[in-house]
Amino acid sequence: MANGGGYGWALAAGFNAALAAISAKFFAPPLLKYGMVILFNVTMWGCYVNSLKALSSLQATVTNFAANFISSGLAGYFLFDEPLPSKWFAGASLIILGVFVLSKSSIEEKQSSD
């Protein structure tokens, strides 16, 4: 599996983690609320495990975290009218930059060790 697929799985894992948090706030009936949280968390773990098959644990974890952070923040803004101050955007930009730096450094290490 190519690294691109691994990043896709890691992004899907982060997005599903955010959906679990959103569903805990969105749905009123407790049975539906907990069912959706469990469903999204199980899906998140499946995606995360698949991302670990193609990426290093550091790449998978950081990409998952970044996707979760950004999608949770945007969902809070669009669904729950939470403010997103400029500090949030600065932090999100640094997280995305960190994901790129870590992914490039891990690829270069693997190529030089071969």
PDB file of N, CA and C in Angstrom:
ATOM      1  N   MET A   1       0.853  -1.186   0.000  1.00  0.00           N
ATOM      2  CA  MET A   1       0.000   0.000   0.000  1.00  0.00           C
ATOM      3  C   MET A   1       0.888   1.235   0.000  1.00  0.00           C
ATOM      4  N   ALA A   2       0.551   2.199  -0.799  1.00  0.00           N
ATOM      5  CA  ALA A   2       1.323   3.426  -0.887  1.00  0.00           C
ATOM      6  C   ALA A   2       1.041   4.312   0.321  1.00  0.00           C
ATOM      7  N   ASN A   3       1.979   5.232   0.589  1.00  0.00           N
ATOM      8  CA  ASN A   3       1.800   6.149   1.713  1.00  0.00           C
ATOM      9  C   ASN A   3       0.560   6.998   1.575  1.00  0.00           C
ATOM     10  N   GLY A   4       0.172   7.327   0.335  1.00  0.00           N
ATOM     11  CA  GLY A   4      -1.030   8.125   0.133  1.00  0.00           C
ATOM     12  C   GLY A   4      -2.252   7.457   0.735  1.00  0.00           C
ATOM     13  N   GLY A   5      -2.358   6.144   0.580  1.00  0.00           N
ATOM     14  CA  GLY A   5      -3.466   5.409   1.185  1.00  0.00           C
ATOM     15  C   GLY A   5      -3.398   5.441   2.703  1.00  0.00           C
ATOM     16  N   GLY A   6      -2.183   5.392   3.235  1.00  0.00           N
ATOM     17  CA  GLY A   6      -2.019   5.471   4.684  1.00  0.00           C
ATOM     18  C   GLY A   6      -2.477   6.804   5.235  1.00  0.00           C
ATOM     19  N   TYR A   7      -2.142   7.880   4.513  1.00  0.00           N
ATOM     20  CA  TYR A   7      -2.598   9.203   4.950  1.00  0.00           C
ATOM     21  C   TYR A   7      -4.114   9.329   4.820  1.00  0.00           C
ATOM     22  N   GLY A   8      -4.671   8.712   3.797  1.00  0.00           N
ATOM     23  CA  GLY A   8      -6.130   8.716   3.656  1.00  0.00           C
ATOM     24  C   GLY A   8      -6.805   8.033   4.836  1.00  0.00           C
ATOM     25  N   TRP A   9      -6.249   6.897   5.254  1.00  0.00           N
ATOM     26  CA  TRP A   9      -6.801   6.197   6.420  1.00  0.00           C
ATOM     27  C   TRP A   9      -6.641   7.034   7.682  1.00  0.00           C
ATOM     28  N   ALA A  10      -5.493   7.690   7.843  1.00  0.00           N
ATOM     29  CA  ALA A  10      -5.272   8.513   9.041  1.00  0.00           C
ATOM     30  C   ALA A  10      -6.215   9.715   9.070  1.00  0.00           C
ATOM     31  N   LEU A  11      -6.440  10.328   7.906  1.00  0.00           N
ATOM     32  CA  LEU A  11      -7.392  11.447   7.839  1.00  0.00           C
ATOM     33  C   LEU A  11      -8.811  10.973   8.161  1.00  0.00           C
ATOM     34  N   ALA A  12      -9.179   9.803   7.631  1.00  0.00           N
ATOM     35  CA  ALA A  12     -10.508   9.246   7.917  1.00  0.00           C
ATOM     36  C   ALA A  12     -10.657   8.936   9.407  1.00  0.00           C
ATOM     37  N   ALA A  13      -9.583   8.468  10.031  1.00  0.00           N
ATOM     38  CA  ALA A  13      -9.631   8.187  11.467  1.00  0.00           C
ATOM     39  C   ALA A  13      -9.873   9.466  12.259  1.00  0.00           C
ATOM     40  N   GLY A  14      -9.164  10.520  11.912  1.00  0.00           N
ATOM     41  CA  GLY A  14      -9.363  11.797  12.608  1.00  0.00           C
ATOM     42  C   GLY A  14     -10.754  12.358  12.403  1.00  0.00           C
ATOM     43  N   PHE A  15     -11.254  12.230  11.174  1.00  0.00           N
ATOM     44  CA  PHE A  15     -12.594  12.725  10.878  1.00  0.00           C
ATOM     45  C   PHE A  15     -13.649  11.935  11.656  1.00  0.00           C
ATOM     46  N   ASN A  16     -13.483  10.612  11.759  1.00  0.00           N
ATOM     47  CA  ASN A  16     -14.433   9.795  12.517  1.00  0.00           C
ATOM     48  C   ASN A  16     -14.368  10.089  14.010  1.00  0.00           C
ATOM     49  N   ALA A  17     -13.193  10.404  14.518  1.00  0.00           N
ATOM     50  CA  ALA A  17     -13.081  10.789  15.929  1.00  0.00           C
ATOM     51  C   ALA A  17     -13.857  12.079  16.184  1.00  0.00           C
ATOM     52  N   ALA A  18     -13.757  13.016  15.247  1.00  0.00           N
ATOM     53  CA  ALA A  18     -14.525  14.264  15.386  1.00  0.00           C
ATOM     54  C   ALA A  18     -16.027  13.986  15.297  1.00  0.00           C
ATOM     55  N   LEU A  19     -16.419  13.087  14.401  1.00  0.00           N
ATOM     56  CA  LEU A  19     -17.845  12.752  14.283  1.00  0.00           C
ATOM     57  C   LEU A  19     -18.376  12.115  15.564  1.00  0.00           C
ATOM     58  N   ALA A  20     -17.534  11.348  16.256  1.00  0.00           N
ATOM     59  CA  ALA A  20     -17.963  10.764  17.530  1.00  0.00           C
ATOM     60  C   ALA A  20     -18.256  11.862  18.542  1.00  0.00           C
ATOM     61  N   ALA A  21     -17.394  12.864  18.614  1.00  0.00           N
ATOM     62  CA  ALA A  21     -17.624  13.973  19.544  1.00  0.00           C
ATOM     63  C   ALA A  21     -18.843  14.790  19.140  1.00  0.00           C
ATOM     64  N   ILE A  22     -19.009  14.995  17.844  1.00  0.00           N
ATOM     65  CA  ILE A  22     -20.165  15.766  17.355  1.00  0.00           C
ATOM     66  C   ILE A  22     -21.465  15.033  17.666  1.00  0.00           C
ATOM     67  N   SER A  23     -21.478  13.729  17.423  1.00  0.00           N
ATOM     68  CA  SER A  23     -22.713  12.979  17.658  1.00  0.00           C
ATOM     69  C   SER A  23     -23.070  12.950  19.139  1.00  0.00           C
ATOM     70  N   ALA A  24     -22.083  13.023  20.018  1.00  0.00           N
ATOM     71  CA  ALA A  24     -22.373  13.058  21.449  1.00  0.00           C
ATOM     72  C   ALA A  24     -23.079  14.359  21.831  1.00  0.00           C
ATOM     73  N   LYS A  25     -22.852  15.417  21.061  1.00  0.00           N
ATOM     74  CA  LYS A  25     -23.482  16.708  21.354  1.00  0.00           C
ATOM     75  C   LYS A  25     -24.769  16.917  20.577  1.00  0.00           C
ATOM     76  N   PHE A  26     -24.892  16.259  19.434  1.00  0.00           N
ATOM     77  CA  PHE A  26     -25.970  16.554  18.503  1.00  0.00           C
ATOM     78  C   PHE A  26     -27.260  15.793  18.765  1.00  0.00           C
ATOM     79  N   PHE A  27     -27.171  14.507  18.989  1.00  0.00           N
ATOM     80  CA  PHE A  27     -28.354  13.658  19.051  1.00  0.00           C
ATOM     81  C   PHE A  27     -28.897  13.593  20.466  1.00  0.00           C
ATOM     82  N   ALA A  28     -30.202  13.777  20.597  1.00  0.00           N
ATOM     83  CA  ALA A  28     -30.821  13.847  21.916  1.00  0.00           C
ATOM     84  C   ALA A  28     -31.099  12.489  22.563  1.00  0.00           C
ATOM     85  N   PRO A  29     -31.707  11.519  21.868  1.00  0.00           N
ATOM     86  CA  PRO A  29     -32.006  10.257  22.554  1.00  0.00           C
ATOM     87  C   PRO A  29     -30.713   9.546  22.981  1.00  0.00           C
ATOM     88  N   PRO A  30     -30.623   9.186  24.257  1.00  0.00           N
ATOM     89  CA  PRO A  30     -29.377   8.594  24.762  1.00  0.00           C
ATOM     90  C   PRO A  30     -28.931   7.340  24.002  1.00  0.00           C
ATOM     91  N   LEU A  31     -29.858   6.462  23.647  1.00  0.00           N
ATOM     92  CA  LEU A  31     -29.470   5.238  22.952  1.00  0.00           C
ATOM     93  C   LEU A  31     -28.845   5.558  21.599  1.00  0.00           C
ATOM     94  N   LEU A  32     -29.442   6.479  20.875  1.00  0.00           N
ATOM     95  CA  LEU A  32     -28.884   6.884  19.584  1.00  0.00           C
ATOM     96  C   LEU A  32     -27.545   7.591  19.769  1.00  0.00           C
ATOM     97  N   LYS A  33     -27.464   8.446  20.779  1.00  0.00           N
ATOM     98  CA  LYS A  33     -26.236   9.183  21.053  1.00  0.00           C
ATOM     99  C   LYS A  33     -25.069   8.224  21.316  1.00  0.00           C
ATOM    100  N   TYR A  34     -25.260   7.283  22.228  1.00  0.00           N
ATOM    101  CA  TYR A  34     -24.180   6.359  22.571  1.00  0.00           C
ATOM    102  C   TYR A  34     -23.889   5.386  21.437  1.00  0.00           C
ATOM    103  N   GLY A  35     -24.925   5.012  20.707  1.00  0.00           N
ATOM    104  CA  GLY A  35     -24.715   4.134  19.556  1.00  0.00           C
ATOM    105  C   GLY A  35     -23.861   4.789  18.486  1.00  0.00           C
ATOM    106  N   MET A  36     -24.126   6.075  18.212  1.00  0.00           N
ATOM    107  CA  MET A  36     -23.337   6.799  17.211  1.00  0.00           C
ATOM    108  C   MET A  36     -21.898   7.008  17.693  1.00  0.00           C
ATOM    109  N   VAL A  37     -21.721   7.310  18.963  1.00  0.00           N
ATOM    110  CA  VAL A  37     -20.375   7.478  19.513  1.00  0.00           C
ATOM    111  C   VAL A  37     -19.583   6.183  19.359  1.00  0.00           C
ATOM    112  N   ILE A  38     -20.200   5.071  19.701  1.00  0.00           N
ATOM    113  CA  ILE A  38     -19.521   3.775  19.576  1.00  0.00           C
ATOM    114  C   ILE A  38     -19.224   3.466  18.120  1.00  0.00           C
ATOM    115  N   LEU A  39     -20.197   3.671  17.244  1.00  0.00           N
ATOM    116  CA  LEU A  39     -19.995   3.403  15.815  1.00  0.00           C
ATOM    117  C   LEU A  39     -18.834   4.209  15.250  1.00  0.00           C
ATOM    118  N   PHE A  40     -18.802   5.506  15.526  1.00  0.00           N
ATOM    119  CA  PHE A  40     -17.734   6.350  14.977  1.00  0.00           C
ATOM    120  C   PHE A  40     -16.376   6.018  15.601  1.00  0.00           C
ATOM    121  N   ASN A  41     -16.364   5.657  16.885  1.00  0.00           N
ATOM    122  CA  ASN A  41     -15.091   5.284  17.507  1.00  0.00           C
ATOM    123  C   ASN A  41     -14.552   3.961  16.968  1.00  0.00           C
ATOM    124  N   VAL A  42     -15.418   3.003  16.751  1.00  0.00           N
ATOM    125  CA  VAL A  42     -14.979   1.728  16.168  1.00  0.00           C
ATOM    126  C   VAL A  42     -14.463   1.951  14.748  1.00  0.00           C
ATOM    127  N   THR A  43     -15.171   2.776  13.985  1.00  0.00           N
ATOM    128  CA  THR A  43     -14.726   3.108  12.631  1.00  0.00           C
ATOM    129  C   THR A  43     -13.386   3.838  12.670  1.00  0.00           C
ATOM    130  N   MET A  44     -13.242   4.759  13.627  1.00  0.00           N
ATOM    131  CA  MET A  44     -11.982   5.481  13.775  1.00  0.00           C
ATOM    132  C   MET A  44     -10.825   4.534  14.050  1.00  0.00           C
ATOM    133  N   TRP A  45     -11.016   3.581  14.940  1.00  0.00           N
ATOM    134  CA  TRP A  45      -9.937   2.643  15.260  1.00  0.00           C
ATOM    135  C   TRP A  45      -9.596   1.764  14.068  1.00  0.00           C
ATOM    136  N   GLY A  46     -10.600   1.352  13.310  1.00  0.00           N
ATOM    137  CA  GLY A  46     -10.329   0.559  12.107  1.00  0.00           C
ATOM    138  C   GLY A  46      -9.511   1.343  11.093  1.00  0.00           C
ATOM    139  N   CYS A  47      -9.874   2.592  10.887  1.00  0.00           N
ATOM    140  CA  CYS A  47      -9.114   3.451   9.960  1.00  0.00           C
ATOM    141  C   CYS A  47      -7.701   3.684  10.476  1.00  0.00           C
ATOM    142  N   TYR A  48      -7.569   3.904  11.768  1.00  0.00           N
ATOM    143  CA  TYR A  48      -6.255   4.155  12.352  1.00  0.00           C
ATOM    144  C   TYR A  48      -5.340   2.941  12.216  1.00  0.00           C
ATOM    145  N   VAL A  49      -5.881   1.762  12.476  1.00  0.00           N
ATOM    146  CA  VAL A  49      -5.080   0.538  12.331  1.00  0.00           C
ATOM    147  C   VAL A  49      -4.639   0.362  10.883  1.00  0.00           C
ATOM    148  N   ASN A  50      -5.514   0.640   9.934  1.00  0.00           N
ATOM    149  CA  ASN A  50      -5.128   0.556   8.521  1.00  0.00           C
ATOM    150  C   ASN A  50      -4.056   1.578   8.170  1.00  0.00           C
ATOM    151  N   SER A  51      -4.118   2.766   8.780  1.00  0.00           N
ATOM    152  CA  SER A  51      -3.085   3.773   8.499  1.00  0.00           C
ATOM    153  C   SER A  51      -1.729   3.315   9.038  1.00  0.00           C
ATOM    154  N   LEU A  52      -1.739   2.565  10.134  1.00  0.00           N
ATOM    155  CA  LEU A  52      -0.477   2.072  10.695  1.00  0.00           C
ATOM    156  C   LEU A  52       0.192   1.026   9.809  1.00  0.00           C
ATOM    157  N   LYS A  53      -0.577   0.397   8.933  1.00  0.00           N
ATOM    158  CA  LYS A  53      -0.002  -0.590   8.014  1.00  0.00           C
ATOM    159  C   LYS A  53       0.867   0.065   6.945  1.00  0.00           C
ATOM    160  N   ALA A  54       0.601   1.342   6.649  1.00  0.00           N
ATOM    161  CA  ALA A  54       1.331   2.026   5.575  1.00  0.00           C
ATOM    162  C   ALA A  54       2.251   3.138   6.080  1.00  0.00           C
ATOM    163  N   LEU A  55       2.009   3.620   7.296  1.00  0.00           N
ATOM    164  CA  LEU A  55       2.776   4.753   7.822  1.00  0.00           C
ATOM    165  C   LEU A  55       3.472   4.359   9.113  1.00  0.00           C
ATOM    166  N   SER A  56       4.445   5.170   9.503  1.00  0.00           N
ATOM    167  CA  SER A  56       5.024   4.976  10.828  1.00  0.00           C
ATOM    168  C   SER A  56       3.981   5.380  11.863  1.00  0.00           C
ATOM    169  N   SER A  57       4.157   4.925  13.076  1.00  0.00           N
ATOM    170  CA  SER A  57       3.182   5.276  14.121  1.00  0.00           C
ATOM    171  C   SER A  57       3.145   6.780  14.352  1.00  0.00           C
ATOM    172  N   LEU A  58       4.284   7.449  14.225  1.00  0.00           N
ATOM    173  CA  LEU A  58       4.313   8.896  14.396  1.00  0.00           C
ATOM    174  C   LEU A  58       3.515   9.602  13.307  1.00  0.00           C
ATOM    175  N   GLN A  59       3.722   9.212  12.047  1.00  0.00           N
ATOM    176  CA  GLN A  59       2.978   9.829  10.949  1.00  0.00           C
ATOM    177  C   GLN A  59       1.480   9.606  11.097  1.00  0.00           C
ATOM    178  N   ALA A  60       1.090   8.374  11.419  1.00  0.00           N
ATOM    179  CA  ALA A  60      -0.334   8.057  11.545  1.00  0.00           C
ATOM    180  C   ALA A  60      -0.974   8.822  12.697  1.00  0.00           C
ATOM    181  N   THR A  61      -0.291   8.888  13.820  1.00  0.00           N
ATOM    182  CA  THR A  61      -0.855   9.547  14.997  1.00  0.00           C
ATOM    183  C   THR A  61      -0.972  11.055  14.795  1.00  0.00           C
ATOM    184  N   VAL A  62       0.062  11.668  14.268  1.00  0.00           N
ATOM    185  CA  VAL A  62       0.036  13.114  14.079  1.00  0.00           C
ATOM    186  C   VAL A  62      -0.997  13.500  13.025  1.00  0.00           C
ATOM    187  N   THR A  63      -1.088  12.739  11.943  1.00  0.00           N
ATOM    188  CA  THR A  63      -2.080  13.033  10.908  1.00  0.00           C
ATOM    189  C   THR A  63      -3.492  12.856  11.451  1.00  0.00           C
ATOM    190  N   ASN A  64      -3.710  11.792  12.217  1.00  0.00           N
ATOM    191  CA  ASN A  64      -5.010  11.554  12.851  1.00  0.00           C
ATOM    192  C   ASN A  64      -5.362  12.720  13.772  1.00  0.00           C
ATOM    193  N   PHE A  65      -4.418  13.138  14.604  1.00  0.00           N
ATOM    194  CA  PHE A  65      -4.663  14.242  15.531  1.00  0.00           C
ATOM    195  C   PHE A  65      -4.988  15.532  14.781  1.00  0.00           C
ATOM    196  N   ALA A  66      -4.224  15.810  13.738  1.00  0.00           N
ATOM    197  CA  ALA A  66      -4.446  17.045  12.971  1.00  0.00           C
ATOM    198  C   ALA A  66      -5.835  17.052  12.340  1.00  0.00           C
ATOM    199  N   ALA A  67      -6.221  15.935  11.738  1.00  0.00           N
ATOM    200  CA  ALA A  67      -7.548  15.855  11.116  1.00  0.00           C
ATOM    201  C   ALA A  67      -8.651  16.008  12.155  1.00  0.00           C
ATOM    202  N   ASN A  68      -8.470  15.386  13.312  1.00  0.00           N
ATOM    203  CA  ASN A  68      -9.455  15.482  14.383  1.00  0.00           C
ATOM    204  C   ASN A  68      -9.557  16.919  14.885  1.00  0.00           C
ATOM    205  N   PHE A  69      -8.425  17.558  15.118  1.00  0.00           N
ATOM    206  CA  PHE A  69      -8.402  18.924  15.629  1.00  0.00           C
ATOM    207  C   PHE A  69      -9.076  19.889  14.666  1.00  0.00           C
ATOM    208  N   ILE A  70      -8.707  19.804  13.411  1.00  0.00           N
ATOM    209  CA  ILE A  70      -9.237  20.746  12.423  1.00  0.00           C
ATOM    210  C   ILE A  70     -10.722  20.499  12.164  1.00  0.00           C
ATOM    211  N   SER A  71     -11.117  19.240  11.987  1.00  0.00           N
ATOM    212  CA  SER A  71     -12.533  18.964  11.710  1.00  0.00           C
ATOM    213  C   SER A  71     -13.405  19.264  12.935  1.00  0.00           C
ATOM    214  N   SER A  72     -12.888  19.040  14.143  1.00  0.00           N
ATOM    215  CA  SER A  72     -13.650  19.379  15.353  1.00  0.00           C
ATOM    216  C   SER A  72     -13.833  20.891  15.474  1.00  0.00           C
ATOM    217  N   GLY A  73     -12.765  21.628  15.198  1.00  0.00           N
ATOM    218  CA  GLY A  73     -12.862  23.084  15.269  1.00  0.00           C
ATOM    219  C   GLY A  73     -13.828  23.648  14.253  1.00  0.00           C
ATOM    220  N   LEU A  74     -13.740  23.154  13.024  1.00  0.00           N
ATOM    221  CA  LEU A  74     -14.647  23.640  11.978  1.00  0.00           C
ATOM    222  C   LEU A  74     -16.095  23.230  12.253  1.00  0.00           C
ATOM    223  N   ALA A  75     -16.286  22.020  12.777  1.00  0.00           N
ATOM    224  CA  ALA A  75     -17.642  21.588  13.129  1.00  0.00           C
ATOM    225  C   ALA A  75     -18.210  22.458  14.245  1.00  0.00           C
ATOM    226  N   GLY A  76     -17.382  22.796  15.229  1.00  0.00           N
ATOM    227  CA  GLY A  76     -17.834  23.676  16.300  1.00  0.00           C
ATOM    228  C   GLY A  76     -18.259  25.034  15.766  1.00  0.00           C
ATOM    229  N   TYR A  77     -17.513  25.528  14.801  1.00  0.00           N
ATOM    230  CA  TYR A  77     -17.827  26.828  14.215  1.00  0.00           C
ATOM    231  C   TYR A  77     -19.122  26.774  13.410  1.00  0.00           C
ATOM    232  N   PHE A  78     -19.241  25.792  12.515  1.00  0.00           N
ATOM    233  CA  PHE A  78     -20.391  25.738  11.619  1.00  0.00           C
ATOM    234  C   PHE A  78     -21.651  25.160  12.266  1.00  0.00           C
ATOM    235  N   LEU A  79     -21.506  24.202  13.161  1.00  0.00           N
ATOM    236  CA  LEU A  79     -22.687  23.544  13.733  1.00  0.00           C
ATOM    237  C   LEU A  79     -23.137  24.143  15.063  1.00  0.00           C
ATOM    238  N   PHE A  80     -22.178  24.635  15.854  1.00  0.00           N
ATOM    239  CA  PHE A  80     -22.510  25.085  17.200  1.00  0.00           C
ATOM    240  C   PHE A  80     -22.208  26.563  17.438  1.00  0.00           C
ATOM    241  N   ASP A  81     -21.889  27.299  16.374  1.00  0.00           N
ATOM    242  CA  ASP A  81     -21.626  28.742  16.453  1.00  0.00           C
ATOM    243  C   ASP A  81     -20.535  29.105  17.461  1.00  0.00           C
ATOM    244  N   GLU A  82     -19.513  28.245  17.589  1.00  0.00           N
ATOM    245  CA  GLU A  82     -18.385  28.554  18.465  1.00  0.00           C
ATOM    246  C   GLU A  82     -17.414  29.463  17.720  1.00  0.00           C
ATOM    247  N   PRO A  83     -16.813  30.413  18.409  1.00  0.00           N
ATOM    248  CA  PRO A  83     -15.865  31.310  17.726  1.00  0.00           C
ATOM    249  C   PRO A  83     -14.551  30.590  17.416  1.00  0.00           C
ATOM    250  N   LEU A  84     -13.907  30.997  16.344  1.00  0.00           N
ATOM    251  CA  LEU A  84     -12.577  30.509  15.997  1.00  0.00           C
ATOM    252  C   LEU A  84     -11.636  31.713  15.932  1.00  0.00           C
ATOM    253  N   PRO A  85     -10.945  31.983  17.034  1.00  0.00           N
ATOM    254  CA  PRO A  85     -10.052  33.147  17.044  1.00  0.00           C
ATOM    255  C   PRO A  85      -8.822  32.904  16.157  1.00  0.00           C
ATOM    256  N   SER A  86      -8.106  33.967  15.904  1.00  0.00           N
ATOM    257  CA  SER A  86      -6.918  33.866  15.047  1.00  0.00           C
ATOM    258  C   SER A  86      -5.878  32.917  15.640  1.00  0.00           C
ATOM    259  N   LYS A  87      -5.827  32.797  16.954  1.00  0.00           N
ATOM    260  CA  LYS A  87      -4.887  31.855  17.591  1.00  0.00           C
ATOM    261  C   LYS A  87      -5.204  30.423  17.179  1.00  0.00           C
ATOM    262  N   TRP A  88      -6.479  30.118  17.006  1.00  0.00           N
ATOM    263  CA  TRP A  88      -6.849  28.767  16.570  1.00  0.00           C
ATOM    264  C   TRP A  88      -6.294  28.501  15.182  1.00  0.00           C
ATOM    265  N   PHE A  89      -6.445  29.459  14.272  1.00  0.00           N
ATOM    266  CA  PHE A  89      -5.931  29.289  12.916  1.00  0.00           C
ATOM    267  C   PHE A  89      -4.410  29.196  12.903  1.00  0.00           C
ATOM    268  N   ALA A  90      -3.747  29.956  13.767  1.00  0.00           N
ATOM    269  CA  ALA A  90      -2.290  29.870  13.872  1.00  0.00           C
ATOM    270  C   ALA A  90      -1.879  28.474  14.349  1.00  0.00           C
ATOM    271  N   GLY A  91      -2.577  27.970  15.348  1.00  0.00           N
ATOM    272  CA  GLY A  91      -2.286  26.624  15.850  1.00  0.00           C
ATOM    273  C   GLY A  91      -2.564  25.557  14.816  1.00  0.00           C
ATOM    274  N   ALA A  92      -3.679  25.676  14.108  1.00  0.00           N
ATOM    275  CA  ALA A  92      -4.013  24.703  13.066  1.00  0.00           C
ATOM    276  C   ALA A  92      -2.968  24.721  11.957  1.00  0.00           C
ATOM    277  N   SER A  93      -2.499  25.900  11.594  1.00  0.00           N
ATOM    278  CA  SER A  93      -1.464  26.014  10.558  1.00  0.00           C
ATOM    279  C   SER A  93      -0.166  25.356  11.008  1.00  0.00           C
ATOM    280  N   LEU A  94       0.201  25.548  12.261  1.00  0.00           N
ATOM    281  CA  LEU A  94       1.415  24.917  12.775  1.00  0.00           C
ATOM    282  C   LEU A  94       1.282  23.395  12.825  1.00  0.00           C
ATOM    283  N   ILE A  95       0.099  22.909  13.162  1.00  0.00           N
ATOM    284  CA  ILE A  95      -0.124  21.459  13.177  1.00  0.00           C
ATOM    285  C   ILE A  95       0.015  20.890  11.769  1.00  0.00           C
ATOM    286  N   ILE A  96      -0.590  21.545  10.797  1.00  0.00           N
ATOM    287  CA  ILE A  96      -0.490  21.073   9.409  1.00  0.00           C
ATOM    288  C   ILE A  96       0.961  21.118   8.941  1.00  0.00           C
ATOM    289  N   LEU A  97       1.673  22.184   9.259  1.00  0.00           N
ATOM    290  CA  LEU A  97       3.091  22.275   8.907  1.00  0.00           C
ATOM    291  C   LEU A  97       3.881  21.146   9.568  1.00  0.00           C
ATOM    292  N   GLY A  98       3.588  20.874  10.811  1.00  0.00           N
ATOM    293  CA  GLY A  98       4.261  19.776  11.518  1.00  0.00           C
ATOM    294  C   GLY A  98       4.007  18.423  10.887  1.00  0.00           C
ATOM    295  N   VAL A  99       2.787  18.197  10.412  1.00  0.00           N
ATOM    296  CA  VAL A  99       2.474  16.937   9.728  1.00  0.00           C
ATOM    297  C   VAL A  99       3.333  16.792   8.479  1.00  0.00           C
ATOM    298  N   PHE A 100       3.468  17.866   7.703  1.00  0.00           N
ATOM    299  CA  PHE A 100       4.288  17.809   6.490  1.00  0.00           C
ATOM    300  C   PHE A 100       5.762  17.573   6.827  1.00  0.00           C
ATOM    301  N   VAL A 101       6.267  18.262   7.848  1.00  0.00           N
ATOM    302  CA  VAL A 101       7.672  18.098   8.227  1.00  0.00           C
ATOM    303  C   VAL A 101       7.938  16.662   8.683  1.00  0.00           C
ATOM    304  N   LEU A 102       7.065  16.137   9.524  1.00  0.00           N
ATOM    305  CA  LEU A 102       7.253  14.769  10.007  1.00  0.00           C
ATOM    306  C   LEU A 102       7.139  13.749   8.887  1.00  0.00           C
ATOM    307  N   SER A 103       6.216  13.957   7.973  1.00  0.00           N
ATOM    308  CA  SER A 103       6.059  12.987   6.889  1.00  0.00           C
ATOM    309  C   SER A 103       7.272  13.015   5.970  1.00  0.00           C
ATOM    310  N   LYS A 104       7.821  14.190   5.687  1.00  0.00           N
ATOM    311  CA  LYS A 104       9.005  14.292   4.821  1.00  0.00           C
ATOM    312  C   LYS A 104      10.233  13.707   5.498  1.00  0.00           C
ATOM    313  N   SER A 105      10.398  13.955   6.796  1.00  0.00           N
ATOM    314  CA  SER A 105      11.585  13.453   7.485  1.00  0.00           C
ATOM    315  C   SER A 105      11.546  11.932   7.600  1.00  0.00           C
ATOM    316  N   SER A 106      10.382  11.362   7.801  1.00  0.00           N
ATOM    317  CA  SER A 106      10.274   9.906   7.899  1.00  0.00           C
ATOM    318  C   SER A 106      10.546   9.250   6.555  1.00  0.00           C
ATOM    319  N   ILE A 107      10.113   9.866   5.470  1.00  0.00           N
ATOM    320  CA  ILE A 107      10.351   9.315   4.136  1.00  0.00           C
ATOM    321  C   ILE A 107      11.840   9.363   3.815  1.00  0.00           C
ATOM    322  N   GLU A 108      12.507  10.480   4.142  1.00  0.00           N
ATOM    323  CA  GLU A 108      13.936  10.603   3.875  1.00  0.00           C
ATOM    324  C   GLU A 108      14.739   9.609   4.690  1.00  0.00           C
ATOM    325  N   GLU A 109      14.355   9.361   5.961  1.00  0.00           N
ATOM    326  CA  GLU A 109      15.052   8.389   6.791  1.00  0.00           C
ATOM    327  C   GLU A 109      14.923   6.991   6.198  1.00  0.00           C
ATOM    328  N   LYS A 110      13.731   6.613   5.721  1.00  0.00           N
ATOM    329  CA  LYS A 110      13.521   5.286   5.150  1.00  0.00           C
ATOM    330  C   LYS A 110      14.344   5.112   3.898  1.00  0.00           C
ATOM    331  N   GLN A 111      14.437   6.129   3.048  1.00  0.00           N
ATOM    332  CA  GLN A 111      15.213   6.022   1.812  1.00  0.00           C
ATOM    333  C   GLN A 111      16.696   5.923   2.105  1.00  0.00           C
ATOM    334  N   SER A 112      17.199   6.649   3.093  1.00  0.00           N
ATOM    335  CA  SER A 112      18.622   6.608   3.389  1.00  0.00           C
ATOM    336  C   SER A 112      19.019   5.326   4.104  1.00  0.00           C
ATOM    337  N   SER A 113      18.097   4.669   4.798  1.00  0.00           N
ATOM    338  CA  SER A 113      18.427   3.428   5.488  1.00  0.00           C
ATOM    339  C   SER A 113      18.401   2.222   4.579  1.00  0.00           C
ATOM    340  N   ASP A 114      17.801   2.345   3.373  1.00  0.00           N
ATOM    341  CA  ASP A 114      17.736   1.211   2.436  1.00  0.00           C
ATOM    342  C   ASP A 114      19.059   0.919   1.810  1.00  0.00           C
TER     343      ASP A 114
END
